[in-house]
């Protein structure tokens, strides 16, 4: 069982990606959750190849993962927010994050180090996005039940993943440097949480397309 959890970060998005491709009807230009799934499948697959096959350091890939995942999800959230002030906030906070990302990479956590700082900040921002989504939904008068919306399941999955992985992200560099024997179990725990994210995304993907109407 523990052997399976080592590979959940590639198996989970890969199975989900195959389901999406089989299902078809992908709006490639604006289906940001599809791009998130595709990117996770690619970057996690490359990471495993570096670690298990090439036996090379793959820590630089986590920097790439953090930056591109944050970018894709920021674009996704900005596309679903309806209140202009929230969209402006997303633009400002995401710009500040990338400034911090570069500074952190240059001064504190280089490509040979796990980027706990940037993953931690990215997680907090995405958690904030999720809470803003729920707040906006509560302020909107829907003609459909919220659980019938794919966005509800996507956002709930993202909140579960980033809130559940936050402690892992901010402590992982410390464990690599000081208690490396615990890192395997720690990342397997992360992979189980990542599986939960993929299950939520699957639940959203099987929602029927709905024409949502709001009274603002």
N, C-alpha and C. Protein backbone atom coordinates (compact mmCIF):
# COMPACT_ATOMS: atom_id res chain seq x y z
N UNK A 1 0.83 -1.21 0.00
CA UNK A 1 0.00 0.00 0.00
C UNK A 1 0.86 1.26 0.00
N UNK A 2 1.92 1.24 0.83
CA UNK A 2 2.81 2.39 0.89
C UNK A 2 3.53 2.60 -0.43
N UNK A 3 3.79 1.50 -1.16
CA UNK A 3 4.43 1.63 -2.47
C UNK A 3 3.53 2.38 -3.45
N UNK A 4 2.23 2.14 -3.36
CA UNK A 4 1.28 2.82 -4.25
C UNK A 4 1.25 4.31 -3.95
N UNK A 5 1.27 4.67 -2.68
CA UNK A 5 1.18 6.09 -2.32
C UNK A 5 2.36 6.89 -2.82
N UNK A 6 3.48 6.23 -3.08
CA UNK A 6 4.65 6.93 -3.61
C UNK A 6 4.38 7.50 -5.00
N UNK A 7 3.44 6.89 -5.71
CA UNK A 7 3.20 7.26 -7.10
C UNK A 7 1.82 7.87 -7.33
N UNK A 8 1.11 8.18 -6.25
CA UNK A 8 -0.22 8.76 -6.41
C UNK A 8 -0.18 10.13 -7.06
N UNK A 9 0.94 10.86 -6.91
CA UNK A 9 1.00 12.20 -7.49
C UNK A 9 1.12 12.17 -9.01
N UNK A 10 1.45 11.03 -9.59
CA UNK A 10 1.44 10.89 -11.04
C UNK A 10 0.24 10.06 -11.51
N UNK A 11 -0.10 9.00 -10.76
CA UNK A 11 -1.22 8.14 -11.17
C UNK A 11 -2.55 8.88 -11.11
N UNK A 12 -2.76 9.67 -10.06
CA UNK A 12 -4.05 10.36 -9.88
C UNK A 12 -4.35 11.33 -11.03
N UNK A 13 -3.43 12.27 -11.34
CA UNK A 13 -3.74 13.18 -12.46
C UNK A 13 -3.73 12.49 -13.82
N UNK A 14 -2.91 11.43 -13.97
CA UNK A 14 -2.86 10.71 -15.24
C UNK A 14 -4.20 10.05 -15.54
N UNK A 15 -4.77 9.36 -14.55
CA UNK A 15 -6.08 8.72 -14.74
C UNK A 15 -7.14 9.77 -15.02
N UNK A 16 -7.06 10.89 -14.28
CA UNK A 16 -8.02 11.98 -14.48
C UNK A 16 -7.87 12.58 -15.87
N UNK A 17 -6.64 12.75 -16.33
CA UNK A 17 -6.39 13.29 -17.67
C UNK A 17 -6.96 12.37 -18.74
N UNK A 18 -6.75 11.07 -18.59
CA UNK A 18 -7.28 10.11 -19.56
C UNK A 18 -8.81 10.17 -19.60
N UNK A 19 -9.42 10.35 -18.43
CA UNK A 19 -10.88 10.48 -18.37
C UNK A 19 -11.33 11.73 -19.12
N UNK A 20 -10.63 12.84 -18.90
CA UNK A 20 -11.00 14.10 -19.56
C UNK A 20 -10.87 13.97 -21.07
N UNK A 21 -9.77 13.37 -21.53
CA UNK A 21 -9.55 13.21 -22.97
C UNK A 21 -10.58 12.27 -23.58
N UNK A 22 -10.95 11.21 -22.85
CA UNK A 22 -11.96 10.27 -23.33
C UNK A 22 -13.33 10.94 -23.41
N UNK A 23 -13.59 11.79 -22.42
CA UNK A 23 -14.88 12.47 -22.35
C UNK A 23 -15.03 13.48 -23.49
N UNK A 24 -13.92 14.11 -23.87
CA UNK A 24 -13.93 15.05 -24.98
C UNK A 24 -14.60 16.36 -24.62
N UNK A 25 -14.95 17.14 -25.64
CA UNK A 25 -15.62 18.43 -25.47
C UNK A 25 -14.84 19.37 -24.56
N UNK A 26 -13.52 19.45 -24.79
CA UNK A 26 -12.67 20.31 -23.97
C UNK A 26 -12.54 21.67 -24.64
N UNK A 27 -12.84 22.72 -23.90
CA UNK A 27 -12.61 24.08 -24.40
C UNK A 27 -11.16 24.43 -24.09
N UNK A 28 -10.25 24.03 -24.98
CA UNK A 28 -8.82 24.07 -24.68
C UNK A 28 -8.33 25.45 -24.25
N UNK A 29 -8.86 26.50 -24.81
CA UNK A 29 -8.32 27.82 -24.52
C UNK A 29 -8.72 28.31 -23.13
N UNK A 30 -9.86 27.88 -22.63
CA UNK A 30 -10.36 28.44 -21.37
C UNK A 30 -10.65 27.38 -20.30
N UNK A 31 -10.38 26.14 -20.59
CA UNK A 31 -10.62 25.09 -19.60
C UNK A 31 -9.39 24.98 -18.71
N UNK A 32 -9.29 25.88 -17.73
CA UNK A 32 -8.07 26.00 -16.94
C UNK A 32 -7.84 24.81 -16.02
N UNK A 33 -8.91 24.16 -15.58
CA UNK A 33 -8.74 22.96 -14.76
C UNK A 33 -8.13 21.84 -15.60
N UNK A 34 -8.50 21.76 -16.87
CA UNK A 34 -7.87 20.79 -17.76
C UNK A 34 -6.37 21.06 -17.86
N UNK A 35 -5.98 22.31 -18.03
CA UNK A 35 -4.55 22.65 -18.13
C UNK A 35 -3.83 22.36 -16.83
N UNK A 36 -4.51 22.57 -15.71
CA UNK A 36 -3.91 22.25 -14.41
C UNK A 36 -3.65 20.75 -14.31
N UNK A 37 -4.64 19.94 -14.69
CA UNK A 37 -4.49 18.48 -14.65
C UNK A 37 -3.37 18.03 -15.59
N UNK A 38 -3.35 18.58 -16.80
CA UNK A 38 -2.33 18.23 -17.78
C UNK A 38 -0.94 18.59 -17.26
N UNK A 39 -0.81 19.78 -16.69
CA UNK A 39 0.49 20.21 -16.18
C UNK A 39 0.95 19.34 -15.03
N UNK A 40 0.04 19.01 -14.11
CA UNK A 40 0.41 18.16 -12.98
C UNK A 40 0.86 16.78 -13.45
N UNK A 41 0.18 16.24 -14.45
CA UNK A 41 0.58 14.94 -15.00
C UNK A 41 1.99 15.02 -15.57
N UNK A 42 2.25 16.07 -16.32
CA UNK A 42 3.56 16.24 -16.97
C UNK A 42 4.67 16.48 -15.96
N UNK A 43 4.50 17.46 -15.09
CA UNK A 43 5.59 17.85 -14.18
C UNK A 43 5.86 16.76 -13.15
N UNK A 44 4.82 16.09 -12.66
CA UNK A 44 5.03 15.01 -11.69
C UNK A 44 5.65 13.79 -12.34
N UNK A 45 5.30 13.55 -13.60
CA UNK A 45 5.92 12.45 -14.33
C UNK A 45 7.41 12.69 -14.55
N UNK A 46 7.75 13.91 -14.95
CA UNK A 46 9.17 14.26 -15.15
C UNK A 46 9.93 14.17 -13.83
N UNK A 47 9.29 14.59 -12.74
CA UNK A 47 9.92 14.54 -11.42
C UNK A 47 10.27 13.11 -11.03
N UNK A 48 9.35 12.18 -11.27
CA UNK A 48 9.60 10.77 -10.94
C UNK A 48 10.71 10.20 -11.81
N UNK A 49 10.73 10.58 -13.08
CA UNK A 49 11.80 10.11 -13.98
C UNK A 49 13.16 10.58 -13.48
N UNK A 50 13.24 11.86 -13.09
CA UNK A 50 14.51 12.39 -12.56
C UNK A 50 14.92 11.64 -11.30
N UNK A 51 13.95 11.37 -10.41
CA UNK A 51 14.27 10.79 -9.11
C UNK A 51 14.53 9.29 -9.19
N UNK A 52 13.68 8.55 -9.90
CA UNK A 52 13.75 7.09 -9.88
C UNK A 52 14.55 6.48 -11.02
N UNK A 53 14.57 7.13 -12.18
CA UNK A 53 15.23 6.56 -13.35
C UNK A 53 16.62 7.17 -13.56
N UNK A 54 16.66 8.50 -13.64
CA UNK A 54 17.93 9.17 -13.87
C UNK A 54 18.76 9.33 -12.61
N UNK A 55 18.10 9.15 -11.44
CA UNK A 55 18.76 9.31 -10.13
C UNK A 55 19.42 10.68 -10.00
N UNK A 56 18.69 11.71 -10.44
CA UNK A 56 19.19 13.08 -10.38
C UNK A 56 18.30 13.93 -9.48
N UNK A 57 18.85 15.05 -9.04
CA UNK A 57 18.12 15.99 -8.20
C UNK A 57 16.93 16.55 -8.98
N UNK A 58 15.74 16.46 -8.39
CA UNK A 58 14.54 16.97 -9.06
C UNK A 58 13.94 18.18 -8.35
N UNK A 59 14.67 18.77 -7.41
CA UNK A 59 14.10 19.85 -6.62
C UNK A 59 13.76 21.08 -7.46
N UNK A 60 14.50 21.31 -8.54
CA UNK A 60 14.21 22.47 -9.38
C UNK A 60 12.82 22.37 -10.00
N UNK A 61 12.34 21.14 -10.18
CA UNK A 61 11.02 20.95 -10.77
C UNK A 61 9.91 21.42 -9.84
N UNK A 62 10.15 21.39 -8.54
CA UNK A 62 9.14 21.86 -7.59
C UNK A 62 8.97 23.38 -7.68
N UNK A 63 10.04 24.09 -8.00
CA UNK A 63 9.93 25.53 -8.23
C UNK A 63 9.05 25.80 -9.45
N UNK A 64 9.29 25.03 -10.52
CA UNK A 64 8.49 25.17 -11.73
C UNK A 64 7.03 24.82 -11.45
N UNK A 65 6.83 23.74 -10.71
CA UNK A 65 5.48 23.30 -10.36
C UNK A 65 4.74 24.38 -9.59
N UNK A 66 5.39 24.94 -8.60
CA UNK A 66 4.77 25.98 -7.77
C UNK A 66 4.35 27.18 -8.61
N UNK A 67 5.27 27.67 -9.44
CA UNK A 67 5.01 28.88 -10.22
C UNK A 67 3.90 28.68 -11.25
N UNK A 68 3.98 27.60 -12.02
CA UNK A 68 3.00 27.40 -13.09
C UNK A 68 1.64 26.97 -12.55
N UNK A 69 1.62 26.16 -11.49
CA UNK A 69 0.33 25.79 -10.89
C UNK A 69 -0.37 27.03 -10.34
N UNK A 70 0.41 27.88 -9.67
CA UNK A 70 -0.17 29.12 -9.13
C UNK A 70 -0.70 30.00 -10.25
N UNK A 71 0.05 30.11 -11.34
CA UNK A 71 -0.38 30.94 -12.47
C UNK A 71 -1.68 30.41 -13.07
N UNK A 72 -1.74 29.11 -13.33
CA UNK A 72 -2.94 28.52 -13.94
C UNK A 72 -4.15 28.71 -13.03
N UNK A 73 -3.96 28.47 -11.73
CA UNK A 73 -5.09 28.57 -10.80
C UNK A 73 -5.51 30.02 -10.59
N UNK A 74 -4.55 30.94 -10.63
CA UNK A 74 -4.90 32.36 -10.53
C UNK A 74 -5.76 32.78 -11.72
N UNK A 75 -5.38 32.37 -12.92
CA UNK A 75 -6.17 32.68 -14.11
C UNK A 75 -7.56 32.04 -14.00
N UNK A 76 -7.59 30.81 -13.49
CA UNK A 76 -8.88 30.13 -13.31
C UNK A 76 -9.79 30.91 -12.36
N UNK A 77 -9.26 31.26 -11.20
CA UNK A 77 -10.10 31.97 -10.22
C UNK A 77 -10.53 33.33 -10.75
N UNK A 78 -9.62 34.02 -11.41
CA UNK A 78 -9.98 35.33 -11.95
C UNK A 78 -11.10 35.20 -12.99
N UNK A 79 -11.14 34.08 -13.69
CA UNK A 79 -12.17 33.88 -14.71
C UNK A 79 -13.54 33.56 -14.11
N UNK A 80 -13.58 33.06 -12.87
CA UNK A 80 -14.87 32.69 -12.29
C UNK A 80 -15.39 33.73 -11.31
N UNK A 81 -14.52 34.64 -10.85
CA UNK A 81 -14.99 35.70 -9.96
C UNK A 81 -15.84 36.69 -10.76
N UNK A 82 -16.92 37.14 -10.17
CA UNK A 82 -17.84 38.04 -10.85
C UNK A 82 -17.73 39.48 -10.34
N UNK A 83 -17.25 39.64 -9.12
CA UNK A 83 -17.11 40.97 -8.54
C UNK A 83 -15.78 41.58 -8.98
N UNK A 84 -15.83 42.76 -9.57
CA UNK A 84 -14.64 43.37 -10.15
C UNK A 84 -13.56 43.61 -9.11
N UNK A 85 -13.92 44.05 -7.91
CA UNK A 85 -12.93 44.33 -6.87
C UNK A 85 -12.14 43.07 -6.51
N UNK A 86 -12.80 41.93 -6.52
CA UNK A 86 -12.09 40.68 -6.22
C UNK A 86 -11.12 40.35 -7.34
N UNK A 87 -11.52 40.57 -8.59
CA UNK A 87 -10.62 40.30 -9.72
C UNK A 87 -9.40 41.21 -9.67
N UNK A 88 -9.60 42.46 -9.28
CA UNK A 88 -8.47 43.38 -9.13
C UNK A 88 -7.55 42.91 -8.02
N UNK A 89 -8.14 42.46 -6.90
CA UNK A 89 -7.35 41.94 -5.79
C UNK A 89 -6.51 40.75 -6.24
N UNK A 90 -7.11 39.85 -7.01
CA UNK A 90 -6.40 38.67 -7.50
C UNK A 90 -5.21 39.09 -8.36
N UNK A 91 -5.41 40.08 -9.22
CA UNK A 91 -4.32 40.56 -10.08
C UNK A 91 -3.17 41.13 -9.26
N UNK A 92 -3.50 41.91 -8.24
CA UNK A 92 -2.47 42.54 -7.41
C UNK A 92 -1.72 41.51 -6.59
N UNK A 93 -2.46 40.63 -5.91
CA UNK A 93 -1.81 39.66 -5.01
C UNK A 93 -0.99 38.65 -5.79
N UNK A 94 -1.42 38.31 -6.99
CA UNK A 94 -0.64 37.36 -7.80
C UNK A 94 0.65 38.00 -8.30
N UNK A 95 0.59 39.28 -8.64
CA UNK A 95 1.80 40.00 -9.05
C UNK A 95 2.80 40.05 -7.90
N UNK A 96 2.31 40.36 -6.71
CA UNK A 96 3.19 40.40 -5.53
C UNK A 96 3.79 39.03 -5.25
N UNK A 97 3.01 37.98 -5.48
CA UNK A 97 3.55 36.63 -5.26
C UNK A 97 4.73 36.36 -6.17
N UNK A 98 4.61 36.70 -7.45
CA UNK A 98 5.70 36.41 -8.38
C UNK A 98 6.94 37.25 -8.09
N UNK A 99 6.73 38.46 -7.58
CA UNK A 99 7.88 39.26 -7.12
C UNK A 99 8.57 38.53 -5.97
N UNK A 100 7.77 38.05 -5.01
CA UNK A 100 8.33 37.30 -3.88
C UNK A 100 9.00 36.02 -4.36
N UNK A 101 8.39 35.34 -5.33
CA UNK A 101 8.94 34.09 -5.84
C UNK A 101 10.36 34.29 -6.37
N UNK A 102 10.56 35.35 -7.13
CA UNK A 102 11.88 35.63 -7.70
C UNK A 102 12.87 35.99 -6.60
N UNK A 103 12.45 36.84 -5.66
CA UNK A 103 13.33 37.23 -4.56
C UNK A 103 13.71 36.02 -3.72
N UNK A 104 12.72 35.18 -3.42
CA UNK A 104 12.97 33.97 -2.63
C UNK A 104 13.95 33.04 -3.34
N UNK A 105 13.78 32.90 -4.65
CA UNK A 105 14.66 32.04 -5.44
C UNK A 105 16.09 32.57 -5.44
N UNK A 106 16.23 33.87 -5.47
CA UNK A 106 17.56 34.48 -5.56
C UNK A 106 18.28 34.51 -4.20
N UNK A 107 17.53 34.81 -3.12
CA UNK A 107 18.18 35.03 -1.83
C UNK A 107 18.09 33.85 -0.86
N UNK A 108 17.00 33.08 -0.88
CA UNK A 108 16.78 32.12 0.19
C UNK A 108 16.70 30.66 -0.27
N UNK A 109 15.92 30.39 -1.29
CA UNK A 109 15.70 29.00 -1.70
C UNK A 109 16.01 28.84 -3.19
N UNK A 110 17.25 28.45 -3.48
CA UNK A 110 17.65 28.31 -4.89
C UNK A 110 17.11 27.01 -5.48
N UNK A 111 17.50 26.72 -6.72
CA UNK A 111 16.95 25.57 -7.44
C UNK A 111 17.40 24.23 -6.88
N UNK A 112 18.39 24.24 -6.00
CA UNK A 112 18.85 23.01 -5.35
C UNK A 112 18.21 22.80 -3.99
N UNK A 113 17.20 23.63 -3.68
CA UNK A 113 16.53 23.59 -2.38
C UNK A 113 15.03 23.48 -2.59
N UNK A 114 14.35 22.71 -1.74
CA UNK A 114 12.89 22.67 -1.83
C UNK A 114 12.34 24.03 -1.42
N UNK A 115 11.41 24.54 -2.20
CA UNK A 115 10.90 25.90 -2.01
C UNK A 115 9.71 25.94 -1.06
N UNK A 116 9.99 25.73 0.22
CA UNK A 116 8.94 25.77 1.23
C UNK A 116 8.30 27.15 1.32
N UNK A 117 9.10 28.20 1.21
CA UNK A 117 8.56 29.56 1.34
C UNK A 117 7.52 29.86 0.26
N UNK A 118 7.89 29.62 -1.00
CA UNK A 118 6.97 29.96 -2.09
C UNK A 118 5.76 29.03 -2.12
N UNK A 119 5.94 27.75 -1.80
CA UNK A 119 4.79 26.85 -1.72
C UNK A 119 3.85 27.26 -0.60
N UNK A 120 4.42 27.68 0.54
CA UNK A 120 3.59 28.10 1.66
C UNK A 120 2.78 29.33 1.34
N UNK A 121 3.42 30.35 0.74
CA UNK A 121 2.72 31.57 0.38
C UNK A 121 1.67 31.30 -0.70
N UNK A 122 2.04 30.50 -1.70
CA UNK A 122 1.09 30.15 -2.76
C UNK A 122 -0.14 29.46 -2.18
N UNK A 123 0.08 28.56 -1.23
CA UNK A 123 -1.03 27.84 -0.60
C UNK A 123 -1.97 28.80 0.11
N UNK A 124 -1.41 29.74 0.88
CA UNK A 124 -2.24 30.70 1.61
C UNK A 124 -3.06 31.56 0.65
N UNK A 125 -2.45 31.96 -0.46
CA UNK A 125 -3.17 32.78 -1.43
C UNK A 125 -4.30 31.98 -2.08
N UNK A 126 -4.02 30.75 -2.46
CA UNK A 126 -5.06 29.93 -3.10
C UNK A 126 -6.18 29.61 -2.11
N UNK A 127 -5.83 29.38 -0.86
CA UNK A 127 -6.86 29.20 0.18
C UNK A 127 -7.74 30.45 0.25
N UNK A 128 -7.11 31.63 0.18
CA UNK A 128 -7.85 32.89 0.18
C UNK A 128 -8.77 32.98 -1.03
N UNK A 129 -8.27 32.61 -2.20
CA UNK A 129 -9.12 32.57 -3.40
C UNK A 129 -10.36 31.71 -3.16
N UNK A 130 -10.14 30.53 -2.58
CA UNK A 130 -11.25 29.60 -2.33
C UNK A 130 -12.29 30.22 -1.40
N UNK A 131 -11.82 30.85 -0.33
CA UNK A 131 -12.74 31.47 0.62
C UNK A 131 -13.49 32.63 -0.01
N UNK A 132 -12.82 33.38 -0.89
CA UNK A 132 -13.49 34.46 -1.61
C UNK A 132 -14.55 33.91 -2.54
N UNK A 133 -14.28 32.77 -3.15
CA UNK A 133 -15.27 32.13 -4.02
C UNK A 133 -16.52 31.78 -3.22
N UNK A 134 -16.33 31.14 -2.06
CA UNK A 134 -17.48 30.78 -1.23
C UNK A 134 -18.25 32.02 -0.79
N UNK A 135 -17.52 33.08 -0.42
CA UNK A 135 -18.17 34.32 0.00
C UNK A 135 -19.00 34.91 -1.13
N UNK A 136 -18.42 34.93 -2.33
CA UNK A 136 -19.14 35.47 -3.48
C UNK A 136 -20.38 34.64 -3.79
N UNK A 137 -20.25 33.31 -3.64
CA UNK A 137 -21.41 32.45 -3.88
C UNK A 137 -22.53 32.73 -2.88
N UNK A 138 -22.15 32.98 -1.63
CA UNK A 138 -23.16 33.27 -0.61
C UNK A 138 -23.87 34.60 -0.87
N UNK A 139 -23.15 35.53 -1.49
CA UNK A 139 -23.72 36.84 -1.77
C UNK A 139 -24.54 36.86 -3.05
N UNK A 140 -24.45 35.80 -3.84
CA UNK A 140 -25.17 35.72 -5.11
C UNK A 140 -26.44 34.90 -4.93
N UNK A 141 -27.47 35.31 -5.64
CA UNK A 141 -28.73 34.57 -5.61
C UNK A 141 -28.76 33.63 -6.81
N UNK A 142 -28.66 32.33 -6.56
CA UNK A 142 -28.57 31.34 -7.62
C UNK A 142 -29.95 30.81 -7.99
N UNK A 143 -30.04 30.37 -9.23
CA UNK A 143 -31.23 29.62 -9.65
C UNK A 143 -30.95 28.12 -9.65
N UNK A 144 -29.73 27.72 -9.26
CA UNK A 144 -29.37 26.31 -9.18
C UNK A 144 -28.75 26.04 -7.81
N UNK A 145 -28.70 24.78 -7.44
CA UNK A 145 -28.04 24.40 -6.20
C UNK A 145 -26.54 24.45 -6.40
N UNK A 146 -25.82 24.96 -5.41
CA UNK A 146 -24.38 25.17 -5.56
C UNK A 146 -23.64 23.88 -5.86
N UNK A 147 -24.10 22.75 -5.31
CA UNK A 147 -23.39 21.48 -5.53
C UNK A 147 -23.60 20.93 -6.94
N UNK A 148 -24.47 21.57 -7.71
CA UNK A 148 -24.63 21.18 -9.11
C UNK A 148 -23.62 21.88 -10.00
N UNK A 149 -22.85 22.79 -9.42
CA UNK A 149 -21.86 23.55 -10.17
C UNK A 149 -20.50 22.86 -10.12
N UNK A 150 -19.86 22.72 -11.27
CA UNK A 150 -18.52 22.13 -11.32
C UNK A 150 -17.52 22.96 -10.52
N UNK A 151 -17.69 24.29 -10.57
CA UNK A 151 -16.74 25.16 -9.86
C UNK A 151 -16.73 24.89 -8.36
N UNK A 152 -17.88 24.56 -7.80
CA UNK A 152 -17.94 24.25 -6.37
C UNK A 152 -17.02 23.09 -6.04
N UNK A 153 -17.06 22.03 -6.84
CA UNK A 153 -16.24 20.85 -6.57
C UNK A 153 -14.77 21.13 -6.85
N UNK A 154 -14.49 21.89 -7.90
CA UNK A 154 -13.10 22.25 -8.18
C UNK A 154 -12.49 23.02 -7.01
N UNK A 155 -13.21 24.05 -6.58
CA UNK A 155 -12.70 24.91 -5.51
C UNK A 155 -12.60 24.15 -4.19
N UNK A 156 -13.57 23.31 -3.91
CA UNK A 156 -13.52 22.51 -2.68
C UNK A 156 -12.32 21.57 -2.70
N UNK A 157 -12.03 20.99 -3.86
CA UNK A 157 -10.85 20.14 -3.98
C UNK A 157 -9.57 20.92 -3.77
N UNK A 158 -9.48 22.10 -4.36
CA UNK A 158 -8.29 22.93 -4.21
C UNK A 158 -8.11 23.38 -2.77
N UNK A 159 -9.21 23.73 -2.09
CA UNK A 159 -9.13 24.12 -0.69
C UNK A 159 -8.66 22.95 0.16
N UNK A 160 -9.20 21.77 -0.09
CA UNK A 160 -8.80 20.57 0.65
C UNK A 160 -7.31 20.30 0.47
N UNK A 161 -6.84 20.40 -0.77
CA UNK A 161 -5.44 20.09 -1.07
C UNK A 161 -4.48 21.11 -0.46
N UNK A 162 -4.72 22.38 -0.71
CA UNK A 162 -3.75 23.39 -0.26
C UNK A 162 -3.81 23.62 1.25
N UNK A 163 -4.99 23.49 1.85
CA UNK A 163 -5.07 23.59 3.31
C UNK A 163 -4.45 22.35 3.96
N UNK A 164 -4.73 21.18 3.38
CA UNK A 164 -4.20 19.94 3.94
C UNK A 164 -2.71 19.79 3.77
N UNK A 165 -2.15 20.38 2.71
CA UNK A 165 -0.72 20.24 2.42
C UNK A 165 0.11 21.39 2.97
N UNK A 166 -0.52 22.41 3.52
CA UNK A 166 0.20 23.62 3.93
C UNK A 166 1.34 23.31 4.90
N UNK A 167 1.05 22.54 5.95
CA UNK A 167 2.08 22.21 6.94
C UNK A 167 3.20 21.39 6.30
N UNK A 168 2.84 20.50 5.39
CA UNK A 168 3.86 19.71 4.69
C UNK A 168 4.76 20.62 3.87
N UNK A 169 4.17 21.55 3.15
CA UNK A 169 4.95 22.46 2.31
C UNK A 169 5.94 23.29 3.13
N UNK A 170 5.46 23.88 4.22
CA UNK A 170 6.33 24.81 4.95
C UNK A 170 7.38 24.11 5.81
N UNK A 171 7.23 22.82 6.03
CA UNK A 171 8.21 22.09 6.85
C UNK A 171 9.10 21.16 6.03
N UNK A 172 8.78 20.97 4.75
CA UNK A 172 9.48 19.94 3.96
C UNK A 172 10.97 20.26 3.79
N UNK A 173 11.30 21.51 3.57
CA UNK A 173 12.72 21.87 3.43
C UNK A 173 13.48 21.56 4.71
N UNK A 174 12.86 21.85 5.86
CA UNK A 174 13.49 21.56 7.15
C UNK A 174 13.75 20.06 7.29
N UNK A 175 12.77 19.24 6.93
CA UNK A 175 12.94 17.79 7.07
C UNK A 175 13.99 17.26 6.09
N UNK A 176 14.05 17.82 4.88
CA UNK A 176 15.09 17.40 3.94
C UNK A 176 16.47 17.67 4.50
N UNK A 177 16.63 18.81 5.14
CA UNK A 177 17.94 19.23 5.63
C UNK A 177 18.31 18.60 6.97
N UNK A 178 17.32 18.22 7.77
CA UNK A 178 17.61 17.77 9.13
C UNK A 178 17.12 16.37 9.47
N UNK A 179 16.04 15.92 8.87
CA UNK A 179 15.48 14.60 9.20
C UNK A 179 15.00 13.94 7.92
N UNK A 180 15.91 13.66 7.02
CA UNK A 180 15.54 13.19 5.68
C UNK A 180 14.80 11.85 5.71
N UNK A 181 14.99 11.06 6.77
CA UNK A 181 14.32 9.75 6.82
C UNK A 181 12.80 9.89 6.92
N UNK A 182 12.33 11.06 7.34
CA UNK A 182 10.88 11.26 7.46
C UNK A 182 10.24 11.81 6.19
N UNK A 183 11.07 12.23 5.23
CA UNK A 183 10.51 12.92 4.06
C UNK A 183 9.66 12.00 3.19
N UNK A 184 10.03 10.71 3.12
CA UNK A 184 9.25 9.77 2.31
C UNK A 184 7.82 9.66 2.80
N UNK A 185 7.65 9.44 4.09
CA UNK A 185 6.32 9.32 4.68
C UNK A 185 5.55 10.64 4.55
N UNK A 186 6.27 11.75 4.73
CA UNK A 186 5.64 13.06 4.65
C UNK A 186 5.08 13.30 3.25
N UNK A 187 5.86 12.97 2.23
CA UNK A 187 5.40 13.21 0.86
C UNK A 187 4.33 12.21 0.44
N UNK A 188 4.36 11.01 1.00
CA UNK A 188 3.27 10.06 0.72
C UNK A 188 1.96 10.57 1.30
N UNK A 189 2.03 11.23 2.46
CA UNK A 189 0.84 11.86 3.02
C UNK A 189 0.33 12.94 2.08
N UNK A 190 1.26 13.73 1.55
CA UNK A 190 0.90 14.74 0.55
C UNK A 190 0.21 14.09 -0.64
N UNK A 191 0.71 12.97 -1.10
CA UNK A 191 0.14 12.32 -2.27
C UNK A 191 -1.28 11.84 -2.03
N UNK A 192 -1.57 11.41 -0.81
CA UNK A 192 -2.94 11.00 -0.47
C UNK A 192 -3.87 12.21 -0.53
N UNK A 193 -3.41 13.35 -0.03
CA UNK A 193 -4.20 14.58 -0.10
C UNK A 193 -4.39 15.00 -1.56
N UNK A 194 -3.34 14.80 -2.36
CA UNK A 194 -3.43 15.12 -3.79
C UNK A 194 -4.46 14.22 -4.48
N UNK A 195 -4.54 12.96 -4.06
CA UNK A 195 -5.56 12.05 -4.58
C UNK A 195 -6.96 12.59 -4.28
N UNK A 196 -7.16 13.11 -3.06
CA UNK A 196 -8.45 13.70 -2.70
C UNK A 196 -8.78 14.86 -3.63
N UNK A 197 -7.78 15.70 -3.94
CA UNK A 197 -7.99 16.79 -4.88
C UNK A 197 -8.49 16.25 -6.22
N UNK A 198 -7.84 15.22 -6.72
CA UNK A 198 -8.23 14.65 -8.02
C UNK A 198 -9.63 14.06 -7.99
N UNK A 199 -10.02 13.49 -6.86
CA UNK A 199 -11.38 12.96 -6.73
C UNK A 199 -12.41 14.08 -6.78
N UNK A 200 -12.10 15.20 -6.12
CA UNK A 200 -12.99 16.36 -6.19
C UNK A 200 -13.07 16.91 -7.61
N UNK A 201 -11.92 16.97 -8.29
CA UNK A 201 -11.91 17.46 -9.67
C UNK A 201 -12.74 16.54 -10.56
N UNK A 202 -12.63 15.23 -10.32
CA UNK A 202 -13.45 14.27 -11.08
C UNK A 202 -14.94 14.54 -10.85
N UNK A 203 -15.29 14.79 -9.59
CA UNK A 203 -16.70 15.07 -9.28
C UNK A 203 -17.18 16.32 -10.02
N UNK A 204 -16.32 17.30 -10.12
CA UNK A 204 -16.69 18.50 -10.88
C UNK A 204 -16.80 18.23 -12.37
N UNK A 205 -15.92 17.39 -12.88
CA UNK A 205 -15.90 17.11 -14.32
C UNK A 205 -17.16 16.38 -14.79
N UNK A 206 -17.78 15.61 -13.89
CA UNK A 206 -18.97 14.86 -14.30
C UNK A 206 -20.26 15.66 -14.10
N UNK A 207 -20.13 16.89 -13.59
CA UNK A 207 -21.30 17.75 -13.48
C UNK A 207 -21.78 18.13 -14.88
N UNK A 208 -23.07 18.16 -15.07
CA UNK A 208 -23.62 18.56 -16.36
C UNK A 208 -23.44 20.07 -16.52
N UNK A 209 -23.10 20.52 -17.74
CA UNK A 209 -22.98 21.96 -17.98
C UNK A 209 -24.29 22.66 -17.66
N UNK A 210 -24.19 23.73 -16.90
CA UNK A 210 -25.39 24.44 -16.47
C UNK A 210 -25.28 25.91 -16.84
N UNK A 211 -26.41 26.50 -17.15
CA UNK A 211 -26.47 27.93 -17.38
C UNK A 211 -26.83 28.59 -16.07
N UNK A 212 -25.82 29.13 -15.38
CA UNK A 212 -26.04 29.71 -14.07
C UNK A 212 -26.46 31.17 -14.21
N UNK A 213 -27.48 31.55 -13.45
CA UNK A 213 -27.95 32.93 -13.46
C UNK A 213 -27.82 33.51 -12.07
N UNK A 214 -27.47 34.78 -12.03
CA UNK A 214 -27.25 35.44 -10.75
C UNK A 214 -28.04 36.74 -10.70
N UNK A 215 -28.44 37.08 -9.51
CA UNK A 215 -29.05 38.37 -9.26
C UNK A 215 -28.08 39.18 -8.43
N UNK A 216 -27.48 40.19 -9.03
CA UNK A 216 -26.43 40.96 -8.35
C UNK A 216 -26.98 42.26 -7.79
